[in-house]
C-alpha atoms as a PDB file:
ATOM      1  CA  MET A   1     121.701  89.638  60.267  1.00  0.00           C
ATOM      2  CA  PHE A   2     124.000  88.862  63.029  1.00  0.00           C
ATOM      3  CA  ALA A   3     125.105  85.212  63.528  1.00  0.00           C
ATOM      4  CA  ASP A   4     126.486  84.397  67.145  1.00  0.00           C
ATOM      5  CA  GLN A   5     129.533  82.551  66.388  1.00  0.00           C
ATOM      6  CA  SER A   6     130.935  82.351  70.246  1.00  0.00           C
ATOM      7  CA  PRO A   7     131.139  78.887  71.618  1.00  0.00           C
ATOM      8  CA  SER A   8     127.926  77.476  72.944  1.00  0.00           C
ATOM      9  CA  PRO A   9     127.575  75.970  76.102  1.00  0.00           C
ATOM     10  CA  ALA A  10     126.690  72.209  76.411  1.00  0.00           C
ATOM     11  CA  LYS A  11     123.602  71.061  74.564  1.00  0.00           C
ATOM     12  CA  GLY A  12     123.534  74.248  72.731  1.00  0.00           C
ATOM     13  CA  ARG A  13     121.911  76.263  75.605  1.00  0.00           C
ATOM     14  CA  ARG A  14     122.752  79.644  75.609  1.00  0.00           C
ATOM     15  CA  TYR A  15     122.916  81.841  78.665  1.00  0.00           C
ATOM     16  CA  PRO A  16     120.870  85.026  79.225  1.00  0.00           C
ATOM     17  CA  ALA A  17     124.305  86.940  79.194  1.00  0.00           C
ATOM     18  CA  GLU A  18     124.946  85.654  75.278  1.00  0.00           C
ATOM     19  CA  ARG A  19     121.099  86.225  74.338  1.00  0.00           C
ATOM     20  CA  ILE A  20     121.629  89.778  75.531  1.00  0.00           C
ATOM     21  CA  GLU A  21     124.544  90.691  73.556  1.00  0.00           C
ATOM     22  CA  ALA A  22     122.934  88.889  70.588  1.00  0.00           C
ATOM     23  CA  ALA A  23     119.590  90.809  71.106  1.00  0.00           C
ATOM     24  CA  LEU A  24     121.739  94.036  71.257  1.00  0.00           C
ATOM     25  CA  ARG A  25     123.787  93.529  68.146  1.00  0.00           C
ATOM     26  CA  THR A  26     120.628  92.655  66.197  1.00  0.00           C
ATOM     27  CA  LEU A  27     119.028  95.693  67.684  1.00  0.00           C
ATOM     28  CA  ALA A  28     122.314  97.754  66.016  1.00  0.00           C
ATOM     29  CA  SER A  29     121.788  95.831  62.699  1.00  0.00           C
ATOM     30  CA  GLY A  30     124.570  93.523  63.322  1.00  0.00           C
ATOM     31  CA  HIS A  31     127.149  96.484  64.264  1.00  0.00           C
ATOM     32  CA  GLY A  32     128.795  96.993  67.440  1.00  0.00           C
ATOM     33  CA  GLN A  33     130.962  95.099  69.530  1.00  0.00           C
ATOM     34  CA  VAL A  34     130.661  94.079  73.146  1.00  0.00           C
ATOM     35  CA  VAL A  35     133.721  95.233  74.933  1.00  0.00           C
ATOM     36  CA  ILE A  36     132.620  94.828  78.582  1.00  0.00           C
ATOM     37  CA  HIS A  37     129.911  92.858  79.944  1.00  0.00           C
ATOM     38  CA  ARG A  38     129.433  92.664  83.763  1.00  0.00           C
ATOM     39  CA  GLU A  39     126.691  90.650  85.613  1.00  0.00           C
ATOM     40  CA  VAL A  40     125.743  91.240  89.087  1.00  0.00           C
ATOM     41  CA  PRO A  41     122.971  89.385  90.918  1.00  0.00           C
ATOM     42  CA  TRP A  42     120.041  91.336  92.052  1.00  0.00           C
ATOM     43  CA  ALA A  43     117.158  90.535  94.351  1.00  0.00           C
ATOM     44  CA  SER A  44     114.068  92.096  95.857  1.00  0.00           C
ATOM     45  CA  ILE A  45     111.514  90.722  98.326  1.00  0.00           C
ATOM     46  CA  THR A  46     109.455  89.002  95.405  1.00  0.00           C
ATOM     47  CA  PHE A  47     112.015  88.991  92.567  1.00  0.00           C
ATOM     48  CA  ALA A  48     115.418  87.751  91.628  1.00  0.00           C
ATOM     49  CA  GLY A  49     117.419  88.022  88.690  1.00  0.00           C
ATOM     50  CA  ALA A  50     120.693  90.062  87.466  1.00  0.00           C
ATOM     51  CA  ARG A  51     121.691  93.377  86.553  1.00  0.00           C
ATOM     52  CA  HIS A  52     123.704  93.629  83.538  1.00  0.00           C
ATOM     53  CA  THR A  53     126.244  96.317  82.286  1.00  0.00           C
ATOM     54  CA  ILE A  54     127.491  96.290  78.720  1.00  0.00           C
ATOM     55  CA  SER A  55     129.887  98.392  77.149  1.00  0.00           C
ATOM     56  CA  MET A  56     129.651  98.228  73.162  1.00  0.00           C
ATOM     57  CA  SER A  57     131.921 100.039  70.876  1.00  0.00           C
ATOM     58  CA  PHE A  58     130.862 101.232  67.170  1.00  0.00           C
ATOM     59  CA  SER A  59     133.538 102.256  64.796  1.00  0.00           C
ATOM     60  CA  GLY A  60     132.812 103.828  61.455  1.00  0.00           C
ATOM     61  CA  ARG A  61     130.091 105.736  60.197  1.00  0.00           C
ATOM     62  CA  PRO A  62     127.541 103.182  59.553  1.00  0.00           C
ATOM     63  CA  ALA A  63     128.290 101.462  62.739  1.00  0.00           C
ATOM     64  CA  VAL A  64     127.740 104.790  64.652  1.00  0.00           C
ATOM     65  CA  GLU A  65     124.618 105.121  63.057  1.00  0.00           C
ATOM     66  CA  ALA A  66     123.396 101.639  63.879  1.00  0.00           C
ATOM     67  CA  GLY A  67     124.269 102.371  67.497  1.00  0.00           C
ATOM     68  CA  GLU A  68     122.458 105.563  67.617  1.00  0.00           C
ATOM     69  CA  HIS A  69     119.357 103.777  66.439  1.00  0.00           C
ATOM     70  CA  LEU A  70     120.137 101.198  69.224  1.00  0.00           C
ATOM     71  CA  ILE A  71     120.281 103.946  71.570  1.00  0.00           C
ATOM     72  CA  ALA A  72     116.966 105.305  70.282  1.00  0.00           C
ATOM     73  CA  GLN A  73     114.921 102.052  70.206  1.00  0.00           C
ATOM     74  CA  LEU A  74     116.334 100.573  73.567  1.00  0.00           C
ATOM     75  CA  PRO A  75     114.077 101.887  76.168  1.00  0.00           C
ATOM     76  CA  ASP A  76     110.906 100.370  74.373  1.00  0.00           C
ATOM     77  CA  HIS A  77     112.602  97.213  72.967  1.00  0.00           C
ATOM     78  CA  GLU A  78     110.588  93.990  73.644  1.00  0.00           C
ATOM     79  CA  PHE A  79     113.391  91.618  74.426  1.00  0.00           C
ATOM     80  CA  VAL A  80     112.883  87.739  74.150  1.00  0.00           C
ATOM     81  CA  ILE A  81     114.922  85.805  76.360  1.00  0.00           C
ATOM     82  CA  PRO A  82     113.583  82.591  77.453  1.00  0.00           C
ATOM     83  CA  GLY A  83     113.112  82.385  81.403  1.00  0.00           C
ATOM     84  CA  GLN A  84     113.689  86.282  81.818  1.00  0.00           C
ATOM     85  CA  LEU A  85     112.105  89.288  81.727  1.00  0.00           C
ATOM     86  CA  VAL A  86     113.693  92.516  81.011  1.00  0.00           C
ATOM     87  CA  ALA A  87     112.447  95.054  83.574  1.00  0.00           C
ATOM     88  CA  ASP A  88     114.463  97.655  82.699  1.00  0.00           C
ATOM     89  CA  ALA A  89     116.865  98.931  79.837  1.00  0.00           C
ATOM     90  CA  GLN A  90     118.699 102.251  79.790  1.00  0.00           C
ATOM     91  CA  VAL A  91     121.623 103.912  78.212  1.00  0.00           C
ATOM     92  CA  LEU A  92     123.958 105.067  80.906  1.00  0.00           C
ATOM     93  CA  SER A  93     126.428 107.004  78.677  1.00  0.00           C
ATOM     94  CA  VAL A  94     127.661 107.576  75.312  1.00  0.00           C
ATOM     95  CA  ASP A  95     131.049 108.751  74.217  1.00  0.00           C
ATOM     96  CA  HIS A  96     131.722 110.167  70.676  1.00  0.00           C
ATOM     97  CA  ALA A  97     135.089 110.537  68.791  1.00  0.00           C
ATOM     98  CA  MET A  98     135.344 111.750  65.412  1.00  0.00           C
ATOM     99  CA  LEU A  99     138.803 111.152  64.368  1.00  0.00           C
ATOM    100  CA  PRO A 100     140.613 109.309  62.621  1.00  0.00           C
ATOM    101  CA  GLU A 101     137.287 107.925  61.995  1.00  0.00           C
ATOM    102  CA  PRO A 102     133.693 108.173  63.898  1.00  0.00           C
ATOM    103  CA  VAL A 103     133.696 105.907  66.874  1.00  0.00           C
ATOM    104  CA  MET A 104     130.898 105.650  69.600  1.00  0.00           C
ATOM    105  CA  ARG A 105     131.164 103.929  72.897  1.00  0.00           C
ATOM    106  CA  VAL A 106     127.783 103.152  74.642  1.00  0.00           C
ATOM    107  CA  GLU A 107     127.256 101.910  78.127  1.00  0.00           C
ATOM    108  CA  ILE A 108     123.940  99.989  78.676  1.00  0.00           C
ATOM    109  CA  GLU A 109     122.305  98.582  81.842  1.00  0.00           C
ATOM    110  CA  LEU A 110     119.642  96.079  81.879  1.00  0.00           C
ATOM    111  CA  LEU A 111     117.862  94.500  84.664  1.00  0.00           C
ATOM    112  CA  LEU A 112     116.831  91.121  83.988  1.00  0.00           C
ATOM    113  CA  LEU A 113     114.066  89.280  86.386  1.00  0.00           C
ATOM    114  CA  GLU A 114     113.886  85.465  86.508  1.00  0.00           C
ATOM    115  CA  GLU A 115     110.250  84.325  85.305  1.00  0.00           C
ATOM    116  CA  GLY A 116     108.982  81.626  87.116  1.00  0.00           C
END
């Protein structure tokens, strides 16, 4: 199981971006490294939130297999992020390289809406 070792904000509060990253690594059985995480505010007439674009890298055969599991499970996965609703989760792109070892890079986009 993945253990989040990143520094926690004051009083142990974890922000949605940290929770998303942890949830994605958990979905990938603890594999995968977040290389890029961009967050852009998003709003409609009735909802507010943010669009998160995350690039993850998986190196080695076990990690690539875990990344493929993440890709397969992502569209129907029920995220639990306090105060947030994941309205959409999709894989934007997948790049593979086989030499010198299997490597896969996945770009994921999530739309989080504030519950309230």
